[in-house]
N, C-alpha and C. Protein backbone atom coordinates (compact mmCIF):
# COMPACT_ATOMS: atom_id res chain seq x y z
N UNK A 1 1.36 -14.52 5.69
CA UNK A 1 2.11 -14.32 6.91
C UNK A 1 2.58 -15.61 7.46
N UNK A 2 3.96 -15.76 7.96
CA UNK A 2 4.30 -17.02 8.51
C UNK A 2 3.72 -17.38 9.69
N UNK A 3 3.79 -18.76 10.02
CA UNK A 3 3.23 -19.26 11.10
C UNK A 3 4.24 -18.80 12.33
N UNK A 4 3.68 -18.79 13.58
CA UNK A 4 4.49 -18.25 14.65
C UNK A 4 5.32 -19.40 15.32
N UNK A 5 4.62 -20.56 15.37
CA UNK A 5 5.23 -21.63 16.17
C UNK A 5 5.40 -22.91 15.51
N UNK A 6 5.57 -22.84 14.16
CA UNK A 6 5.89 -23.98 13.41
C UNK A 6 6.68 -23.52 12.12
N UNK A 7 7.51 -24.45 11.54
CA UNK A 7 8.34 -24.11 10.41
C UNK A 7 7.56 -23.89 9.18
N UNK A 8 6.30 -24.16 9.16
CA UNK A 8 5.51 -24.03 7.81
C UNK A 8 5.38 -22.57 7.46
N UNK A 9 5.07 -22.40 6.20
CA UNK A 9 5.03 -20.98 5.63
C UNK A 9 3.70 -20.46 6.00
N UNK A 10 2.56 -21.13 6.07
CA UNK A 10 1.22 -20.61 6.35
C UNK A 10 0.58 -20.11 5.09
N UNK A 11 -0.72 -19.78 5.18
CA UNK A 11 -1.47 -19.44 3.97
C UNK A 11 -1.36 -18.01 3.80
N UNK A 12 -1.39 -17.54 2.63
CA UNK A 12 -1.20 -16.11 2.16
C UNK A 12 -2.60 -15.37 2.55
N UNK A 13 -2.58 -14.17 2.73
CA UNK A 13 -3.66 -13.36 3.07
C UNK A 13 -3.90 -12.25 2.03
N UNK A 14 -5.08 -11.46 2.00
CA UNK A 14 -5.28 -10.50 1.09
C UNK A 14 -4.45 -9.36 1.42
N UNK A 15 -3.99 -8.54 0.42
CA UNK A 15 -3.04 -7.50 0.65
C UNK A 15 -3.77 -6.17 0.70
N UNK A 16 -3.49 -5.44 1.78
CA UNK A 16 -4.06 -4.07 1.85
C UNK A 16 -3.91 -3.11 0.76
N UNK A 17 -4.82 -2.18 0.47
CA UNK A 17 -4.54 -1.13 -0.63
C UNK A 17 -3.15 -0.48 -0.32
N UNK A 18 -2.53 -0.07 -1.50
CA UNK A 18 -1.29 0.70 -1.15
C UNK A 18 -1.67 2.24 -0.83
N UNK A 19 -2.73 2.82 -1.39
CA UNK A 19 -3.06 4.16 -1.27
C UNK A 19 -3.53 4.33 0.22
N UNK A 20 -3.19 5.45 0.77
CA UNK A 20 -3.85 5.86 2.20
C UNK A 20 -5.00 6.67 1.90
N UNK A 21 -5.36 6.99 0.76
CA UNK A 21 -6.53 7.76 0.49
C UNK A 21 -7.73 6.92 0.14
N UNK A 22 -8.98 7.22 0.48
CA UNK A 22 -10.17 6.44 0.04
C UNK A 22 -10.20 6.26 -1.28
N UNK A 23 -10.90 5.16 -1.75
CA UNK A 23 -11.06 5.03 -3.27
C UNK A 23 -11.92 6.12 -3.87
N UNK A 24 -12.10 6.33 -5.20
CA UNK A 24 -12.72 7.28 -5.90
C UNK A 24 -14.28 7.18 -5.69
N UNK A 25 -14.83 5.90 -5.57
CA UNK A 25 -16.15 5.64 -5.46
C UNK A 25 -16.64 5.88 -4.13
N UNK A 26 -15.91 6.21 -3.03
CA UNK A 26 -16.28 6.23 -1.69
C UNK A 26 -17.02 7.57 -1.40
N UNK A 27 -18.15 7.55 -0.75
CA UNK A 27 -19.04 8.66 -0.71
C UNK A 27 -19.13 9.40 0.59
N UNK A 28 -18.61 8.78 1.72
CA UNK A 28 -18.74 9.38 2.94
C UNK A 28 -17.72 10.39 3.26
N UNK A 29 -18.11 11.30 4.14
CA UNK A 29 -17.16 12.36 4.72
C UNK A 29 -16.58 11.80 5.97
N UNK A 30 -15.29 12.22 6.36
CA UNK A 30 -14.72 11.72 7.51
C UNK A 30 -15.59 11.87 8.99
N UNK A 31 -16.42 12.96 8.97
CA UNK A 31 -17.32 13.15 10.15
C UNK A 31 -18.25 12.17 10.20
N UNK A 32 -18.95 11.72 8.83
CA UNK A 32 -19.97 10.83 8.98
C UNK A 32 -19.52 9.53 9.42
N UNK A 33 -18.31 9.07 9.00
CA UNK A 33 -17.67 7.76 9.25
C UNK A 33 -17.39 7.76 10.84
N UNK A 34 -16.98 8.96 11.43
CA UNK A 34 -16.56 8.95 12.86
C UNK A 34 -17.90 9.00 13.71
N UNK A 35 -19.08 9.53 13.23
CA UNK A 35 -20.30 9.38 13.92
C UNK A 35 -20.82 8.00 13.79
N UNK A 36 -20.61 7.29 12.69
CA UNK A 36 -21.14 5.97 12.62
C UNK A 36 -20.34 5.06 13.57
N UNK A 37 -19.05 5.29 13.70
CA UNK A 37 -18.21 4.47 14.61
C UNK A 37 -18.69 4.72 16.06
N UNK A 38 -18.80 5.91 16.41
CA UNK A 38 -19.26 6.37 17.85
C UNK A 38 -20.66 5.60 18.04
N UNK A 39 -21.48 5.65 17.11
CA UNK A 39 -22.76 5.01 17.42
C UNK A 39 -22.75 3.62 17.62
N UNK A 40 -21.84 2.91 16.66
CA UNK A 40 -21.80 1.50 16.69
C UNK A 40 -20.98 1.02 18.01
N UNK A 41 -19.96 1.78 18.45
CA UNK A 41 -19.37 1.44 19.80
C UNK A 41 -20.34 1.53 21.02
N UNK A 42 -21.10 2.70 20.93
CA UNK A 42 -22.13 2.94 22.00
C UNK A 42 -23.06 1.77 22.12
N UNK A 43 -23.32 1.12 20.99
CA UNK A 43 -24.21 0.00 20.99
C UNK A 43 -23.73 -1.20 21.60
N UNK A 44 -22.35 -1.21 21.89
CA UNK A 44 -21.71 -2.34 22.52
C UNK A 44 -20.75 -3.15 21.63
N UNK A 45 -20.59 -2.72 20.38
CA UNK A 45 -19.70 -3.58 19.55
C UNK A 45 -18.19 -3.28 19.74
N UNK A 46 -17.42 -4.32 19.56
CA UNK A 46 -15.97 -4.26 19.85
C UNK A 46 -15.42 -3.54 18.58
N UNK A 47 -14.28 -2.98 18.56
CA UNK A 47 -13.61 -2.26 17.38
C UNK A 47 -13.48 -3.15 16.27
N UNK A 48 -13.16 -4.51 16.29
CA UNK A 48 -13.11 -5.38 15.17
C UNK A 48 -14.40 -5.48 14.46
N UNK A 49 -15.42 -5.56 15.34
CA UNK A 49 -16.88 -5.80 14.77
C UNK A 49 -17.42 -4.50 14.18
N UNK A 50 -16.85 -3.46 14.71
CA UNK A 50 -17.34 -2.09 14.16
C UNK A 50 -16.76 -2.06 12.84
N UNK A 51 -15.52 -2.36 12.52
CA UNK A 51 -14.96 -2.44 11.27
C UNK A 51 -15.71 -3.32 10.18
N UNK A 52 -15.98 -4.48 10.73
CA UNK A 52 -16.75 -5.27 9.83
C UNK A 52 -18.13 -4.83 9.52
N UNK A 53 -18.88 -4.19 10.41
CA UNK A 53 -20.11 -3.66 10.16
C UNK A 53 -20.01 -2.48 9.18
N UNK A 54 -19.02 -1.63 9.37
CA UNK A 54 -18.78 -0.50 8.45
C UNK A 54 -18.52 -1.10 7.11
N UNK A 55 -17.79 -2.09 6.87
CA UNK A 55 -17.56 -2.71 5.65
C UNK A 55 -18.66 -3.24 5.01
N UNK A 56 -19.36 -4.17 5.71
CA UNK A 56 -20.48 -4.80 5.10
C UNK A 56 -21.79 -4.16 4.97
N UNK A 57 -22.15 -3.32 5.95
CA UNK A 57 -23.43 -2.47 5.76
C UNK A 57 -23.27 -1.08 5.24
N UNK A 58 -22.18 -0.42 5.26
CA UNK A 58 -22.11 0.88 4.96
C UNK A 58 -21.07 1.05 3.79
N UNK A 59 -20.47 0.08 3.41
CA UNK A 59 -19.46 0.18 2.23
C UNK A 59 -18.24 0.94 2.54
N UNK A 60 -17.75 0.94 3.71
CA UNK A 60 -16.52 1.73 4.20
C UNK A 60 -15.43 0.66 4.05
N UNK A 61 -14.52 0.83 2.92
CA UNK A 61 -13.54 -0.30 2.74
C UNK A 61 -12.46 -0.39 3.98
N UNK A 62 -11.96 0.81 4.40
CA UNK A 62 -11.12 0.94 5.49
C UNK A 62 -11.42 2.08 6.36
N UNK A 63 -11.59 1.97 7.62
CA UNK A 63 -11.82 3.21 8.54
C UNK A 63 -10.59 4.05 8.41
N UNK A 64 -9.48 3.50 8.41
CA UNK A 64 -8.27 4.39 8.53
C UNK A 64 -8.04 5.24 7.21
N UNK A 65 -8.60 4.60 6.14
CA UNK A 65 -8.46 5.44 4.85
C UNK A 65 -9.55 6.64 4.87
N UNK A 66 -10.73 6.25 5.34
CA UNK A 66 -11.77 7.27 5.46
C UNK A 66 -11.41 8.45 6.45
N UNK A 67 -10.86 8.01 7.42
CA UNK A 67 -10.65 9.11 8.57
C UNK A 67 -9.19 9.64 8.55
N UNK A 68 -8.17 8.97 7.93
CA UNK A 68 -6.92 9.46 7.90
C UNK A 68 -6.22 9.15 9.25
N UNK A 69 -6.83 8.31 9.99
CA UNK A 69 -6.23 7.82 11.25
C UNK A 69 -6.95 6.48 11.66
N UNK A 70 -6.45 5.75 12.76
CA UNK A 70 -6.91 4.52 13.02
C UNK A 70 -8.37 4.64 13.70
N UNK A 71 -9.00 3.50 13.73
CA UNK A 71 -10.41 3.48 14.20
C UNK A 71 -10.37 3.67 15.79
N UNK A 72 -9.33 3.12 16.44
CA UNK A 72 -9.36 3.21 17.86
C UNK A 72 -9.01 4.61 18.30
N UNK A 73 -8.39 5.45 17.61
CA UNK A 73 -8.05 6.76 17.99
C UNK A 73 -9.32 7.72 18.07
N UNK A 74 -10.47 7.28 17.42
CA UNK A 74 -11.57 8.06 17.39
C UNK A 74 -12.33 7.92 18.72
N UNK A 75 -12.19 6.73 19.40
CA UNK A 75 -12.90 6.42 20.59
C UNK A 75 -12.26 7.30 21.75
N UNK A 76 -13.22 7.81 22.63
CA UNK A 76 -12.66 8.49 23.76
C UNK A 76 -12.33 7.45 24.88
N UNK A 77 -11.56 7.84 25.88
CA UNK A 77 -11.11 6.85 26.93
C UNK A 77 -12.43 6.16 27.55
N UNK A 78 -13.46 6.84 27.65
CA UNK A 78 -14.60 6.07 28.19
C UNK A 78 -15.14 5.05 27.36
N UNK A 79 -15.03 5.18 26.06
CA UNK A 79 -15.60 4.15 25.12
C UNK A 79 -14.66 3.06 24.92
N UNK A 80 -13.37 3.33 25.09
CA UNK A 80 -12.51 2.25 24.87
C UNK A 80 -12.58 1.08 25.86
N UNK A 81 -12.35 -0.22 25.37
CA UNK A 81 -12.45 -1.37 26.21
C UNK A 81 -11.20 -1.26 27.09
N UNK A 82 -11.37 -2.02 28.27
CA UNK A 82 -10.25 -2.08 29.29
C UNK A 82 -9.14 -2.95 28.73
N UNK A 83 -9.51 -4.00 28.02
CA UNK A 83 -8.45 -4.75 27.49
C UNK A 83 -8.58 -4.62 25.99
N UNK A 84 -7.44 -4.59 25.25
CA UNK A 84 -7.41 -4.43 23.92
C UNK A 84 -8.20 -5.57 23.14
N UNK A 85 -8.80 -5.36 22.11
CA UNK A 85 -9.67 -6.29 21.33
C UNK A 85 -8.88 -7.59 21.05
N UNK A 86 -7.70 -7.52 20.44
CA UNK A 86 -7.03 -8.79 20.12
C UNK A 86 -6.75 -9.58 21.32
N UNK A 87 -6.44 -8.95 22.42
CA UNK A 87 -5.97 -9.70 23.64
C UNK A 87 -7.33 -10.33 24.20
N UNK A 88 -8.31 -9.76 24.14
CA UNK A 88 -9.70 -10.18 24.72
C UNK A 88 -10.01 -11.40 23.89
N UNK A 89 -9.90 -11.47 22.56
CA UNK A 89 -10.20 -12.65 21.76
C UNK A 89 -9.40 -13.85 22.16
N UNK A 90 -8.17 -13.48 22.29
CA UNK A 90 -7.16 -14.61 22.78
C UNK A 90 -7.57 -15.16 24.10
N UNK A 91 -7.90 -14.08 25.00
CA UNK A 91 -8.20 -14.70 26.47
C UNK A 91 -9.57 -15.55 26.39
N UNK A 92 -10.52 -15.17 25.60
CA UNK A 92 -11.70 -16.03 25.41
C UNK A 92 -11.44 -17.37 24.70
N UNK A 93 -10.53 -17.40 23.85
CA UNK A 93 -10.22 -18.62 23.09
C UNK A 93 -9.54 -19.42 24.10
N UNK A 94 -8.62 -19.16 24.92
CA UNK A 94 -7.84 -19.82 25.96
C UNK A 94 -8.95 -20.36 26.98
N UNK A 95 -9.91 -19.51 27.37
CA UNK A 95 -11.01 -19.94 28.29
C UNK A 95 -11.64 -21.12 27.69
N UNK A 96 -12.08 -21.10 26.51
CA UNK A 96 -12.90 -22.16 25.80
C UNK A 96 -12.03 -23.40 25.69
N UNK A 97 -10.73 -23.30 25.41
CA UNK A 97 -9.90 -24.46 25.24
C UNK A 97 -9.73 -25.05 26.67
N UNK A 98 -9.60 -24.28 27.80
CA UNK A 98 -9.39 -24.80 29.15
C UNK A 98 -10.78 -25.60 29.60
N UNK A 99 -11.91 -25.10 29.32
CA UNK A 99 -13.14 -25.64 29.56
C UNK A 99 -13.27 -27.00 28.83
N UNK A 100 -12.80 -26.96 27.54
CA UNK A 100 -12.91 -28.22 26.67
C UNK A 100 -11.84 -29.19 27.37
N UNK A 101 -10.89 -28.79 27.89
CA UNK A 101 -9.86 -29.76 28.44
C UNK A 101 -10.36 -30.40 29.79
N UNK A 102 -11.13 -29.51 30.48
CA UNK A 102 -11.82 -30.21 31.76
C UNK A 102 -12.60 -31.34 31.40
N UNK A 103 -13.42 -31.25 30.28
CA UNK A 103 -14.14 -32.37 29.83
C UNK A 103 -13.34 -33.52 29.12
N UNK A 104 -12.44 -33.06 28.34
CA UNK A 104 -11.58 -34.15 27.63
C UNK A 104 -10.13 -34.01 27.98
N UNK A 105 -9.75 -34.74 29.03
CA UNK A 105 -8.46 -34.62 29.65
C UNK A 105 -7.29 -35.15 28.83
N UNK A 106 -7.64 -36.12 27.76
CA UNK A 106 -6.49 -36.56 27.01
C UNK A 106 -6.58 -36.20 25.72
N UNK A 107 -7.11 -34.89 25.51
CA UNK A 107 -6.90 -34.28 24.26
C UNK A 107 -5.58 -33.45 24.21
N UNK A 108 -4.57 -34.28 23.71
CA UNK A 108 -3.30 -33.66 23.70
C UNK A 108 -3.09 -32.52 22.72
N UNK A 109 -3.57 -32.60 21.57
CA UNK A 109 -3.43 -31.51 20.52
C UNK A 109 -3.95 -30.14 21.23
N UNK A 110 -4.98 -30.35 21.86
CA UNK A 110 -5.57 -29.14 22.43
C UNK A 110 -4.90 -28.53 23.53
N UNK A 111 -4.02 -29.51 24.26
CA UNK A 111 -3.17 -29.00 25.31
C UNK A 111 -2.16 -28.16 24.64
N UNK A 112 -1.46 -28.70 23.52
CA UNK A 112 -0.49 -27.83 22.86
C UNK A 112 -1.05 -26.50 22.32
N UNK A 113 -2.23 -26.60 21.73
CA UNK A 113 -2.87 -25.43 21.17
C UNK A 113 -3.06 -24.32 22.28
N UNK A 114 -3.56 -24.88 23.44
CA UNK A 114 -3.66 -23.88 24.69
C UNK A 114 -2.37 -23.30 25.05
N UNK A 115 -1.38 -24.16 25.13
CA UNK A 115 -0.05 -23.47 25.49
C UNK A 115 0.48 -22.47 24.50
N UNK A 116 0.19 -22.72 23.15
CA UNK A 116 0.47 -21.59 22.19
C UNK A 116 -0.37 -20.41 22.31
N UNK A 117 -1.64 -20.54 22.47
CA UNK A 117 -2.58 -19.32 22.72
C UNK A 117 -2.03 -18.69 24.01
N UNK A 118 -1.72 -19.41 25.07
CA UNK A 118 -1.29 -18.54 26.32
C UNK A 118 -0.01 -17.95 26.07
N UNK A 119 0.89 -18.52 25.34
CA UNK A 119 2.21 -17.81 24.91
C UNK A 119 1.92 -16.62 24.18
N UNK A 120 0.97 -16.59 23.18
CA UNK A 120 0.60 -15.47 22.54
C UNK A 120 0.09 -14.30 23.44
N UNK A 121 -0.72 -14.82 24.40
CA UNK A 121 -1.28 -13.88 25.41
C UNK A 121 -0.18 -13.11 26.15
N UNK A 122 0.93 -13.91 26.63
CA UNK A 122 1.82 -13.37 27.41
C UNK A 122 2.64 -12.42 26.68
N UNK A 123 3.01 -12.79 25.35
CA UNK A 123 3.66 -11.86 24.36
C UNK A 123 2.90 -10.44 24.20
N UNK A 124 1.58 -10.51 24.06
CA UNK A 124 0.80 -9.47 23.80
C UNK A 124 0.73 -8.55 25.17
N UNK A 125 0.62 -9.19 26.24
CA UNK A 125 0.51 -8.47 27.62
C UNK A 125 1.82 -7.59 27.66
N UNK A 126 2.83 -8.25 27.45
CA UNK A 126 4.32 -7.60 27.53
C UNK A 126 4.27 -6.44 26.61
N UNK A 127 3.81 -6.61 25.43
CA UNK A 127 3.79 -5.47 24.59
C UNK A 127 2.85 -4.33 24.97
N UNK A 128 1.62 -4.63 25.41
CA UNK A 128 0.72 -3.66 25.93
C UNK A 128 1.24 -2.93 27.25
N UNK A 129 2.00 -3.70 28.04
CA UNK A 129 2.58 -3.01 29.17
C UNK A 129 3.59 -2.01 28.71
N UNK A 130 4.38 -2.29 27.77
CA UNK A 130 5.41 -1.42 27.23
C UNK A 130 4.85 -0.35 26.51
N UNK A 131 3.69 -0.42 25.74
CA UNK A 131 3.11 0.84 25.17
C UNK A 131 2.20 1.58 26.06
N UNK A 132 1.88 1.11 27.17
CA UNK A 132 1.01 1.79 28.12
C UNK A 132 -0.36 1.55 27.87
N UNK A 133 -0.90 0.64 27.10
CA UNK A 133 -2.19 0.37 26.71
C UNK A 133 -2.74 -0.36 27.92
N UNK A 134 -2.01 -1.13 28.67
CA UNK A 134 -2.53 -2.04 29.83
C UNK A 134 -1.76 -1.38 30.99
N UNK A 135 -2.43 -1.34 32.22
CA UNK A 135 -1.61 -1.07 33.54
C UNK A 135 -0.54 -2.12 33.75
N UNK A 136 0.47 -1.68 34.45
CA UNK A 136 1.50 -2.65 34.66
C UNK A 136 1.25 -3.77 35.63
N UNK A 137 0.16 -3.48 36.42
CA UNK A 137 -0.22 -4.63 37.33
C UNK A 137 -1.26 -5.68 36.81
N UNK A 138 -1.57 -5.37 35.56
CA UNK A 138 -2.54 -6.42 34.88
C UNK A 138 -1.80 -7.60 34.51
N UNK A 139 -2.26 -8.70 34.75
CA UNK A 139 -1.65 -9.89 34.31
C UNK A 139 -2.74 -10.96 33.98
N UNK A 140 -2.39 -11.81 33.14
CA UNK A 140 -3.35 -12.87 32.71
C UNK A 140 -3.37 -13.96 33.63
N UNK A 141 -4.57 -14.32 34.25
CA UNK A 141 -4.77 -15.34 35.23
C UNK A 141 -5.91 -16.26 34.46
N UNK A 142 -5.46 -17.52 34.26
CA UNK A 142 -6.59 -18.32 33.57
C UNK A 142 -7.90 -18.57 34.38
N UNK A 143 -7.77 -18.65 35.78
CA UNK A 143 -8.89 -18.91 36.63
C UNK A 143 -9.80 -17.67 36.59
N UNK A 144 -9.15 -16.51 36.62
CA UNK A 144 -9.95 -15.15 36.53
C UNK A 144 -10.71 -15.06 35.25
N UNK A 145 -10.00 -15.57 34.14
CA UNK A 145 -10.58 -15.42 32.74
C UNK A 145 -11.82 -16.32 32.63
N UNK A 146 -11.74 -17.49 33.33
CA UNK A 146 -13.00 -18.44 33.17
C UNK A 146 -14.15 -17.86 33.84
N UNK A 147 -13.90 -17.04 34.77
CA UNK A 147 -15.16 -16.50 35.61
C UNK A 147 -16.03 -15.58 34.73
N UNK A 148 -15.47 -14.90 33.66
CA UNK A 148 -16.23 -14.02 32.74
C UNK A 148 -17.52 -14.52 32.47
């Protein structure tokens, strides 16, 4: 995947399987995978962590292949997080950078990195407002994010 804010090409990532069906060696039924997902989410794990646990502990290569739909569609509205997982991770990252900048005022590369992360946050918020995943009155406030 190309870099977002530089002219460099970036490192290549692994490619997803072409088939939408689970592999032949896969042993779980969709209902079993769904119950595992619900159990892991009720324990307090984020959707991305649930996918990692399914992969590493239970041998589920992709939840979407096993279920025929995305992992987040399994979750009921009560179990979904208020903020989407990718946005929450970026907000935490920006908060850590902001705290670092309070201690190290002259760290200019970190200032730029913070600006890039906050720009990604604003782009994601705009996307989630349009798709209805976030309420229209929600906005990113660095001070409120640092209170968490």
